[in-house]
C-alpha atoms as a PDB file:
ATOM      1  CA  MET A   1     100.337 123.712  12.128  1.00  0.00           C
ATOM      2  CA  GLN A   2     100.148 120.412  14.010  1.00  0.00           C
ATOM      3  CA  VAL A   3      99.999 117.285  11.843  1.00  0.00           C
ATOM      4  CA  THR A   4      97.478 114.634  12.967  1.00  0.00           C
ATOM      5  CA  PRO A   5      99.275 111.299  13.444  1.00  0.00           C
ATOM      6  CA  SER A   6      98.038 108.294  11.474  1.00  0.00           C
ATOM      7  CA  PHE A   7      98.836 104.594  11.233  1.00  0.00           C
ATOM      8  CA  ARG A   8      99.130 102.696   7.938  1.00  0.00           C
ATOM      9  CA  LEU A   9      98.464  98.956   8.035  1.00  0.00           C
ATOM     10  CA  ALA A  10      99.182  96.822   4.970  1.00  0.00           C
ATOM     11  CA  TYR A  11      97.471  93.447   4.553  1.00  0.00           C
ATOM     12  CA  VAL A  12      97.701  90.646   2.009  1.00  0.00           C
ATOM     13  CA  PRO A  13      94.758  88.852   0.318  1.00  0.00           C
ATOM     14  CA  GLY A  14      92.797  86.564   2.616  1.00  0.00           C
ATOM     15  CA  VAL A  15      93.585  88.539   5.773  1.00  0.00           C
ATOM     16  CA  THR A  16      90.628  90.371   7.323  1.00  0.00           C
ATOM     17  CA  PRO A  17      91.881  93.183   9.601  1.00  0.00           C
ATOM     18  CA  GLY A  18      88.395  94.557  10.305  1.00  0.00           C
ATOM     19  CA  LYS A  19      88.101  93.302  13.895  1.00  0.00           C
ATOM     20  CA  TRP A  20      91.431  94.867  14.878  1.00  0.00           C
ATOM     21  CA  ALA A  21      90.581  98.082  13.016  1.00  0.00           C
ATOM     22  CA  ARG A  22      87.396  98.399  15.089  1.00  0.00           C
ATOM     23  CA  VAL A  23      89.313  98.027  18.347  1.00  0.00           C
ATOM     24  CA  TRP A  24      91.830 100.615  17.131  1.00  0.00           C
ATOM     25  CA  SER A  25      89.100 103.165  16.376  1.00  0.00           C
ATOM     26  CA  GLU A  26      87.652 102.658  19.870  1.00  0.00           C
ATOM     27  CA  ARG A  27      90.977 103.043  21.679  1.00  0.00           C
ATOM     28  CA  LEU A  28      92.613 105.694  19.531  1.00  0.00           C
ATOM     29  CA  PRO A  29      89.793 107.674  17.898  1.00  0.00           C
ATOM     30  CA  ASP A  30      92.144 110.601  17.306  1.00  0.00           C
ATOM     31  CA  VAL A  31      94.567 108.505  15.209  1.00  0.00           C
ATOM     32  CA  PRO A  32      93.185 107.449  11.791  1.00  0.00           C
ATOM     33  CA  LEU A  33      93.973 103.876  10.717  1.00  0.00           C
ATOM     34  CA  ALA A  34      94.622 103.551   6.969  1.00  0.00           C
ATOM     35  CA  LEU A  35      94.230 100.014   5.576  1.00  0.00           C
ATOM     36  CA  VAL A  36      96.507  99.339   2.595  1.00  0.00           C
ATOM     37  CA  ALA A  37      95.633  96.256   0.498  1.00  0.00           C
ATOM     38  CA  VAL A  38      98.695  94.713  -1.204  1.00  0.00           C
ATOM     39  CA  ASP A  39      99.356  91.594  -3.278  1.00  0.00           C
ATOM     40  CA  ALA A  40     100.683  88.508  -1.482  1.00  0.00           C
ATOM     41  CA  ALA A  41     104.217  89.078  -2.764  1.00  0.00           C
ATOM     42  CA  ASP A  42     104.210  92.813  -1.953  1.00  0.00           C
ATOM     43  CA  GLY A  43     103.700  92.717   1.814  1.00  0.00           C
ATOM     44  CA  GLU A  44     107.381  92.681   2.760  1.00  0.00           C
ATOM     45  CA  PRO A  45     108.525  95.166   0.045  1.00  0.00           C
ATOM     46  CA  THR A  46     105.787  97.592   1.139  1.00  0.00           C
ATOM     47  CA  LEU A  47     107.178  97.640   4.680  1.00  0.00           C
ATOM     48  CA  ARG A  48     110.788  98.018   3.541  1.00  0.00           C
ATOM     49  CA  ALA A  49     109.843 100.906   1.261  1.00  0.00           C
ATOM     50  CA  GLY A  50     108.189 102.749   4.170  1.00  0.00           C
ATOM     51  CA  ASP A  51     104.762 102.681   2.530  1.00  0.00           C
ATOM     52  CA  ALA A  52     103.179 101.185   5.674  1.00  0.00           C
ATOM     53  CA  ASP A  53     103.941 101.317   9.393  1.00  0.00           C
ATOM     54  CA  ALA A  54     103.118  97.620   9.880  1.00  0.00           C
ATOM     55  CA  GLY A  55     101.653  94.781   7.853  1.00  0.00           C
ATOM     56  CA  LEU A  56      99.678  91.562   8.152  1.00  0.00           C
ATOM     57  CA  VAL A  57     101.733  89.296   5.902  1.00  0.00           C
ATOM     58  CA  ARG A  58     102.317  85.633   5.204  1.00  0.00           C
ATOM     59  CA  LEU A  59     105.399  83.918   6.542  1.00  0.00           C
ATOM     60  CA  PRO A  60     108.195  83.425   5.835  1.00  0.00           C
ATOM     61  CA  VAL A  61     109.660  86.930   5.665  1.00  0.00           C
ATOM     62  CA  ASP A  62     113.284  87.991   5.683  1.00  0.00           C
ATOM     63  CA  ARG A  63     113.889  89.052   9.306  1.00  0.00           C
ATOM     64  CA  THR A  64     116.797  91.298   8.335  1.00  0.00           C
ATOM     65  CA  GLY A  65     115.617  94.688   9.542  1.00  0.00           C
ATOM     66  CA  LEU A  66     112.076  93.436  10.129  1.00  0.00           C
ATOM     67  CA  SER A  67     110.343  92.234  13.278  1.00  0.00           C
ATOM     68  CA  ALA A  68     107.504  89.723  12.979  1.00  0.00           C
ATOM     69  CA  ILE A  69     105.029  88.187  15.411  1.00  0.00           C
ATOM     70  CA  PRO A  70     103.239  85.015  14.180  1.00  0.00           C
ATOM     71  CA  LEU A  71      99.490  85.351  14.790  1.00  0.00           C
ATOM     72  CA  TYR A  72      97.746  82.251  13.474  1.00  0.00           C
ATOM     73  CA  THR A  73      97.997  79.292  11.080  1.00  0.00           C
ATOM     74  CA  GLU A  74      95.433  78.777   8.322  1.00  0.00           C
ATOM     75  CA  THR A  75      93.743  75.553   7.250  1.00  0.00           C
ATOM     76  CA  THR A  76      94.601  74.396   3.732  1.00  0.00           C
ATOM     77  CA  VAL A  77      91.737  73.289   1.480  1.00  0.00           C
ATOM     78  CA  VAL A  78      91.320  71.883  -2.014  1.00  0.00           C
ATOM     79  CA  VAL A  79      88.962  73.797  -4.311  1.00  0.00           C
ATOM     80  CA  PHE A  80      87.031  71.856  -6.988  1.00  0.00           C
ATOM     81  CA  PRO A  81      83.813  72.034  -9.059  1.00  0.00           C
ATOM     82  CA  LYS A  82      80.691  71.413  -6.996  1.00  0.00           C
ATOM     83  CA  GLU A  83      78.968  69.321  -9.658  1.00  0.00           C
ATOM     84  CA  ASP A  84      80.075  65.840 -10.761  1.00  0.00           C
ATOM     85  CA  HIS A  85      83.451  65.764  -9.028  1.00  0.00           C
ATOM     86  CA  TRP A  86      84.621  62.751  -7.084  1.00  0.00           C
ATOM     87  CA  LEU A  87      85.928  64.952  -4.217  1.00  0.00           C
ATOM     88  CA  ALA A  88      82.351  65.975  -3.376  1.00  0.00           C
ATOM     89  CA  ALA A  89      81.855  62.632  -1.590  1.00  0.00           C
ATOM     90  CA  ALA A  90      84.943  63.105   0.615  1.00  0.00           C
ATOM     91  CA  GLU A  91      84.945  64.753   4.052  1.00  0.00           C
ATOM     92  CA  GLU A  92      88.727  65.262   4.146  1.00  0.00           C
ATOM     93  CA  VAL A  93      91.403  64.857   1.494  1.00  0.00           C
ATOM     94  CA  SER A  94      95.089  63.880   1.623  1.00  0.00           C
ATOM     95  CA  VAL A  95      97.791  64.851  -0.836  1.00  0.00           C
ATOM     96  CA  GLY A  96      97.995  61.253  -2.050  1.00  0.00           C
ATOM     97  CA  ASP A  97      94.316  61.318  -3.008  1.00  0.00           C
ATOM     98  CA  LEU A  98      95.118  63.927  -5.676  1.00  0.00           C
ATOM     99  CA  ALA A  99      97.731  61.840  -7.511  1.00  0.00           C
ATOM    100  CA  ASP A 100      95.610  61.565 -10.674  1.00  0.00           C
ATOM    101  CA  ASP A 101      94.265  65.154 -10.652  1.00  0.00           C
ATOM    102  CA  VAL A 102      95.764  68.221 -12.318  1.00  0.00           C
ATOM    103  CA  VAL A 103      96.732  70.501  -9.418  1.00  0.00           C
ATOM    104  CA  PHE A 104      97.334  74.152 -10.260  1.00  0.00           C
ATOM    105  CA  HIS A 105     100.345  75.927  -8.812  1.00  0.00           C
ATOM    106  CA  PRO A 106      99.882  79.675  -9.498  1.00  0.00           C
ATOM    107  CA  LEU A 107     102.846  82.025  -9.465  1.00  0.00           C
ATOM    108  CA  ASP A 108     101.481  83.748  -6.349  1.00  0.00           C
ATOM    109  CA  ASP A 109     101.019  80.450  -4.469  1.00  0.00           C
ATOM    110  CA  THR A 110     101.231  80.987  -0.701  1.00  0.00           C
ATOM    111  CA  LEU A 111     102.066  77.373   0.266  1.00  0.00           C
ATOM    112  CA  ALA A 112     105.626  76.105   0.653  1.00  0.00           C
ATOM    113  CA  TRP A 113     105.737  72.795  -1.198  1.00  0.00           C
ATOM    114  CA  GLU A 114     108.679  70.408  -0.976  1.00  0.00           C
ATOM    115  CA  GLN A 115     107.067  68.349  -3.726  1.00  0.00           C
ATOM    116  CA  LEU A 116     104.058  69.478  -5.724  1.00  0.00           C
ATOM    117  CA  PRO A 117     101.032  67.162  -5.470  1.00  0.00           C
ATOM    118  CA  GLY A 118      99.065  65.647  -8.342  1.00  0.00           C
ATOM    119  CA  ARG A 119      99.844  66.170 -12.017  1.00  0.00           C
ATOM    120  CA  PRO A 120     101.226  69.563 -13.103  1.00  0.00           C
ATOM    121  CA  ALA A 121      99.263  71.816 -15.439  1.00  0.00           C
ATOM    122  CA  ILE A 122     100.688  72.597 -18.848  1.00  0.00           C
ATOM    123  CA  GLU A 123     101.231  76.208 -17.756  1.00  0.00           C
ATOM    124  CA  ARG A 124     101.257  77.838 -14.327  1.00  0.00           C
ATOM    125  CA  PRO A 125      98.470  80.409 -13.833  1.00  0.00           C
ATOM    126  CA  ALA A 126      99.736  83.902 -13.069  1.00  0.00           C
ATOM    127  CA  THR A 127      97.478  84.417 -10.061  1.00  0.00           C
ATOM    128  CA  THR A 128      95.223  82.515  -7.684  1.00  0.00           C
ATOM    129  CA  ALA A 129      92.251  84.264  -9.282  1.00  0.00           C
ATOM    130  CA  ASP A 130      93.295  82.882 -12.696  1.00  0.00           C
ATOM    131  CA  ALA A 131      93.627  79.396 -11.207  1.00  0.00           C
ATOM    132  CA  ILE A 132      90.123  79.642  -9.759  1.00  0.00           C
ATOM    133  CA  GLU A 133      88.755  80.336 -13.248  1.00  0.00           C
ATOM    134  CA  LEU A 134      90.480  77.201 -14.573  1.00  0.00           C
ATOM    135  CA  VAL A 135      89.074  75.109 -11.713  1.00  0.00           C
ATOM    136  CA  ALA A 136      85.581  76.390 -12.537  1.00  0.00           C
ATOM    137  CA  ALA A 137      86.176  75.258 -16.130  1.00  0.00           C
ATOM    138  CA  GLY A 138      86.791  71.724 -14.865  1.00  0.00           C
ATOM    139  CA  VAL A 139      90.471  71.620 -15.869  1.00  0.00           C
ATOM    140  CA  GLY A 140      91.921  70.790 -12.439  1.00  0.00           C
ATOM    141  CA  VAL A 141      91.886  71.565  -8.697  1.00  0.00           C
ATOM    142  CA  LEU A 142      93.620  74.122  -6.517  1.00  0.00           C
ATOM    143  CA  LEU A 143      95.078  73.989  -2.983  1.00  0.00           C
ATOM    144  CA  VAL A 144      94.934  77.267  -1.059  1.00  0.00           C
ATOM    145  CA  PRO A 145      94.518  78.604   2.495  1.00  0.00           C
ATOM    146  CA  GLN A 146      90.848  78.551   3.465  1.00  0.00           C
ATOM    147  CA  SER A 147      90.732  82.352   3.623  1.00  0.00           C
ATOM    148  CA  LEU A 148      91.624  82.544  -0.089  1.00  0.00           C
ATOM    149  CA  ALA A 149      88.990  79.942  -0.965  1.00  0.00           C
ATOM    150  CA  ARG A 150      86.452  82.194   0.765  1.00  0.00           C
ATOM    151  CA  LEU A 151      87.842  85.307  -0.870  1.00  0.00           C
ATOM    152  CA  HIS A 152      87.413  83.762  -4.354  1.00  0.00           C
ATOM    153  CA  HIS A 153      84.091  82.087  -3.548  1.00  0.00           C
ATOM    154  CA  ARG A 154      81.900  81.019  -6.473  1.00  0.00           C
ATOM    155  CA  ARG A 155      78.567  79.234  -6.419  1.00  0.00           C
ATOM    156  CA  ASP A 156      79.830  76.533  -8.763  1.00  0.00           C
ATOM    157  CA  LEU A 157      82.862  75.715  -6.582  1.00  0.00           C
ATOM    158  CA  THR A 158      83.319  74.154  -3.154  1.00  0.00           C
ATOM    159  CA  TYR A 159      86.235  72.909  -1.065  1.00  0.00           C
ATOM    160  CA  ARG A 160      87.355  70.266   1.407  1.00  0.00           C
ATOM    161  CA  THR A 161      89.975  70.323   4.177  1.00  0.00           C
ATOM    162  CA  MET A 162      93.405  68.874   3.420  1.00  0.00           C
ATOM    163  CA  THR A 163      94.853  66.643   6.140  1.00  0.00           C
ATOM    164  CA  ASP A 164      98.557  66.735   5.261  1.00  0.00           C
ATOM    165  CA  ALA A 165      99.236  69.752   3.034  1.00  0.00           C
ATOM    166  CA  PRO A 166     101.531  72.649   3.988  1.00  0.00           C
ATOM    167  CA  GLN A 167      99.810  75.504   5.830  1.00  0.00           C
ATOM    168  CA  SER A 168     100.158  79.261   5.602  1.00  0.00           C
ATOM    169  CA  ARG A 169     100.965  81.365   8.682  1.00  0.00           C
ATOM    170  CA  ILE A 170      99.932  84.987   9.137  1.00  0.00           C
ATOM    171  CA  ALA A 171     102.186  87.399  11.034  1.00  0.00           C
ATOM    172  CA  LEU A 172     102.294  91.039  12.035  1.00  0.00           C
ATOM    173  CA  ALA A 173     105.522  92.563  10.714  1.00  0.00           C
ATOM    174  CA  TRP A 174     107.089  96.018  10.868  1.00  0.00           C
ATOM    175  CA  PRO A 175     110.497  97.700  10.342  1.00  0.00           C
ATOM    176  CA  GLU A 176     112.574  96.929  13.428  1.00  0.00           C
ATOM    177  CA  GLU A 177     114.003 100.446  13.697  1.00  0.00           C
ATOM    178  CA  LEU A 178     110.492 101.946  13.588  1.00  0.00           C
ATOM    179  CA  THR A 179     108.964 100.259  16.622  1.00  0.00           C
ATOM    180  CA  THR A 180     106.937 103.332  17.543  1.00  0.00           C
ATOM    181  CA  ASP A 181     104.335 103.771  20.295  1.00  0.00           C
ATOM    182  CA  LEU A 182     101.619 103.286  17.674  1.00  0.00           C
ATOM    183  CA  VAL A 183     103.182  99.995  16.572  1.00  0.00           C
ATOM    184  CA  GLU A 184     103.234  98.902  20.221  1.00  0.00           C
ATOM    185  CA  GLU A 185      99.560  99.839  20.497  1.00  0.00           C
ATOM    186  CA  PHE A 186      98.668  97.675  17.493  1.00  0.00           C
ATOM    187  CA  ILE A 187     100.741  94.768  18.844  1.00  0.00           C
ATOM    188  CA  GLY A 188      98.677  94.983  22.027  1.00  0.00           C
ATOM    189  CA  ILE A 189      95.445  94.910  20.025  1.00  0.00           C
ATOM    190  CA  VAL A 190      96.307  91.840  17.925  1.00  0.00           C
ATOM    191  CA  ARG A 191      97.511  90.034  21.052  1.00  0.00           C
ATOM    192  CA  GLY A 192      94.233  90.732  22.803  1.00  0.00           C
ATOM    193  CA  ARG A 193      95.558  92.973  25.560  1.00  0.00           C
ATOM    194  CA  THR A 194      93.026  95.101  27.384  1.00  0.00           C
ATOM    195  CA  VAL A 195      93.361  98.864  27.307  1.00  0.00           C
ATOM    196  CA  ASN A 196      94.983  98.888  30.783  1.00  0.00           C
ATOM    197  CA  SER A 197      97.441  96.092  29.995  1.00  0.00           C
ATOM    198  CA  SER A 198      98.598  97.462  26.643  1.00  0.00           C
ATOM    199  CA  ARG A 199     101.974  99.125  26.435  1.00  0.00           C
ATOM    200  CA  GLY A 200     102.325 102.875  25.948  1.00  0.00           C
ATOM    201  CA  ARG A 201      99.129 104.781  26.776  1.00  0.00           C
ATOM    202  CA  GLY A 202      97.492 101.786  28.430  1.00  0.00           C
ATOM    203  CA  GLN A 203     100.479 101.253  30.734  1.00  0.00           C
ATOM    204  CA  THR A 204     100.192 104.820  32.021  1.00  0.00           C
ATOM    205  CA  ALA A 205      96.461 104.392  32.614  1.00  0.00           C
ATOM    206  CA  ALA A 206      97.102 101.195  34.584  1.00  0.00           C
ATOM    207  CA  ALA A 207      99.662 102.943  36.789  1.00  0.00           C
ATOM    208  CA  GLN A 208      97.222 105.755  37.527  1.00  0.00           C
ATOM    209  CA  THR A 209      94.521 103.245  38.430  1.00  0.00           C
ATOM    210  CA  ALA A 210      96.810 101.366  40.806  1.00  0.00           C
ATOM    211  CA  ALA A 211      98.174 104.481  42.563  1.00  0.00           C
ATOM    212  CA  PRO A 212      95.288 105.165  45.029  1.00  0.00           C
ATOM    213  CA  ALA A 213      95.431 101.614  46.382  1.00  0.00           C
ATOM    214  CA  ALA A 214      98.987 102.156  47.623  1.00  0.00           C
ATOM    215  CA  LYS A 215      98.097 105.133  49.829  1.00  0.00           C
ATOM    216  CA  GLY A 216      97.607 104.450  53.510  1.00  0.00           C
ATOM    217  CA  GLY A 217      96.576 100.825  53.133  1.00  0.00           C
ATOM    218  CA  SER A 218      93.151 101.425  54.767  1.00  0.00           C
ATOM    219  CA  GLY A 219      89.595 102.222  53.732  1.00  0.00           C
ATOM    220  CA  LYS A 220      88.157 105.709  53.448  1.00  0.00           C
ATOM    221  CA  GLY A 221      86.915 105.632  57.021  1.00  0.00           C
ATOM    222  CA  GLY A 222      90.268 104.661  58.538  1.00  0.00           C
ATOM    223  CA  PRO A 223      90.803 101.896  61.151  1.00  0.00           C
ATOM    224  CA  VAL A 224      88.053 100.134  63.095  1.00  0.00           C
ATOM    225  CA  LYS A 225      86.587 102.292  65.813  1.00  0.00           C
ATOM    226  CA  GLY A 226      87.239 101.076  69.335  1.00  0.00           C
ATOM    227  CA  GLY A 227      91.033 100.834  69.309  1.00  0.00           C
ATOM    228  CA  PRO A 228      93.609  98.464  67.817  1.00  0.00           C
ATOM    229  CA  VAL A 229      92.656  94.887  67.012  1.00  0.00           C
ATOM    230  CA  LYS A 230      93.813  92.121  69.317  1.00  0.00           C
ATOM    231  CA  GLY A 231      95.928  89.591  67.445  1.00  0.00           C
ATOM    232  CA  GLY A 232      96.581  91.627  64.311  1.00  0.00           C
ATOM    233  CA  ALA A 233      95.920  94.809  62.342  1.00  0.00           C
ATOM    234  CA  ALA A 234      92.819  95.566  60.340  1.00  0.00           C
ATOM    235  CA  ARG A 235      92.833  94.126  56.849  1.00  0.00           C
ATOM    236  CA  THR A 236      94.217  96.482  54.215  1.00  0.00           C
ATOM    237  CA  GLY A 237      91.704  98.200  51.972  1.00  0.00           C
ATOM    238  CA  GLY A 238      88.597  97.791  54.176  1.00  0.00           C
ATOM    239  CA  GLY A 239      85.220  99.111  53.133  1.00  0.00           C
ATOM    240  CA  LYS A 240      83.970 102.613  53.736  1.00  0.00           C
ATOM    241  CA  GLY A 241      83.806 103.367  57.415  1.00  0.00           C
ATOM    242  CA  GLY A 242      86.589 101.016  58.428  1.00  0.00           C
ATOM    243  CA  GLY A 243      88.127  97.609  57.728  1.00  0.00           C
ATOM    244  CA  THR A 244      87.037  94.269  59.166  1.00  0.00           C
ATOM    245  CA  ALA A 245      89.230  92.862  61.901  1.00  0.00           C
ATOM    246  CA  LYS A 246      91.314  89.933  60.595  1.00  0.00           C
ATOM    247  CA  GLY A 247      91.225  87.851  63.744  1.00  0.00           C
ATOM    248  CA  GLY A 248      89.763  88.247  67.227  1.00  0.00           C
ATOM    249  CA  ALA A 249      87.474  90.994  68.514  1.00  0.00           C
ATOM    250  CA  ALA A 250      88.184  94.679  68.701  1.00  0.00           C
ATOM    251  CA  LYS A 251      88.885  96.096  72.159  1.00  0.00           C
ATOM    252  CA  GLY A 252      85.782  97.413  73.783  1.00  0.00           C
ATOM    253  CA  GLY A 253      83.657  94.254  73.478  1.00  0.00           C
ATOM    254  CA  GLY A 254      83.425  93.830  69.699  1.00  0.00           C
ATOM    255  CA  ARG A 255      81.842  97.213  69.147  1.00  0.00           C
ATOM    256  CA  PRO A 256      80.687  97.711  65.522  1.00  0.00           C
ATOM    257  CA  ALA A 257      82.903  99.822  63.268  1.00  0.00           C
ATOM    258  CA  ALA A 258      81.726 103.271  62.219  1.00  0.00           C
ATOM    259  CA  GLY A 259      79.721 103.183  59.023  1.00  0.00           C
ATOM    260  CA  GLY A 260      78.480  99.612  59.477  1.00  0.00           C
ATOM    261  CA  GLY A 261      81.797  97.614  59.528  1.00  0.00           C
ATOM    262  CA  ARG A 262      81.791  94.729  62.018  1.00  0.00           C
ATOM    263  CA  ALA A 263      84.620  93.125  63.924  1.00  0.00           C
ATOM    264  CA  ARG A 264      85.026  89.556  62.638  1.00  0.00           C
ATOM    265  CA  GLY A 265      84.548  86.960  65.305  1.00  0.00           C
ATOM    266  CA  GLY A 266      81.906  88.734  67.445  1.00  0.00           C
ATOM    267  CA  SER A 267      82.452  89.591  71.150  1.00  0.00           C
ATOM    268  CA  GLY A 268      85.583  88.329  72.895  1.00  0.00           C
ATOM    269  CA  SER A 269      83.761  87.815  76.221  1.00  0.00           C
ATOM    270  CA  SER A 270      81.220  85.259  75.028  1.00  0.00           C
ATOM    271  CA  ALA A 271      82.442  81.864  73.769  1.00  0.00           C
ATOM    272  CA  GLY A 272      78.964  81.056  72.495  1.00  0.00           C
ATOM    273  CA  GLY A 273      78.805  84.351  70.574  1.00  0.00           C
ATOM    274  CA  ALA A 274      82.195  83.694  68.962  1.00  0.00           C
ATOM    275  CA  ALA A 275      81.114  80.207  67.898  1.00  0.00           C
ATOM    276  CA  ALA A 276      77.938  81.632  66.374  1.00  0.00           C
ATOM    277  CA  ALA A 277      79.977  84.233  64.522  1.00  0.00           C
ATOM    278  CA  ARG A 278      82.270  81.509  63.150  1.00  0.00           C
ATOM    279  CA  ARG A 279      79.292  79.476  61.955  1.00  0.00           C
ATOM    280  CA  GLY A 280      77.813  82.486  60.198  1.00  0.00           C
ATOM    281  CA  ARG A 281      81.139  83.714  58.735  1.00  0.00           C
ATOM    282  CA  PRO A 282      81.009  83.902  54.960  1.00  0.00           C
ATOM    283  CA  LYS A 283      83.493  81.796  53.065  1.00  0.00           C
ATOM    284  CA  ARG A 284      86.642  83.628  52.024  1.00  0.00           C
ATOM    285  CA  ARG A 285      86.676  84.301  48.341  1.00  0.00           C
ATOM    286  CA  GLY A 286      89.550  82.739  46.409  1.00  0.00           C
END
């Protein structure tokens, strides 16, 4: 019995893999994509345990045995109560502006701080979700990637962009020894490659598409009727019924090519006709 292949993709909170999952289902409809939601701290362990083929995780990760491709950097925001908070009047906020505010630093914080801003809370919240509840209670503020502020959205909270806070980076990671064809396919998707430029299946399709162009070097109808072209060969890949002469007239008085192709430059015997042909020649496309 043949086992249907599948691809397991882990992702941490705040990451939205939906757009890439849609492209996957269009390109590989016979290979199911399983999305595996994991906590922020569990992205790397999930990959090392073999519970996912690849993962959308937050950097940094230990590169020992893992490959990682950085994808994008997130904006950091400060979350605060919408009503009666001084930050509501600000358009942007700096770390120094928060010197007198209690700033929560949850245990699952995704930002790499050299020095924590503001005043520390009496106790660190266990999770970002717990910190959000404390912010809603008016106890302090919280700095998080914008995607997490949206994930934990509440009507009574809002946020502003931080100008100088650390930022979180999202990467695609996978076990280095398990760089399979399916992993290569997903790398191509997140990097925006088209189906013909992707590695693996797409590379084969591109080679098959390019193969007919290499045969013969002429159009379906062959060379221009009326003999060889004075001053050069017919242009490679001419239209049906024959190529257009690159320069000069075809022998035989500029006789039209079979199927409607015309010799560029008009008749060789009439200077006035050649000049008219040059005036009416379409511009060469870049």
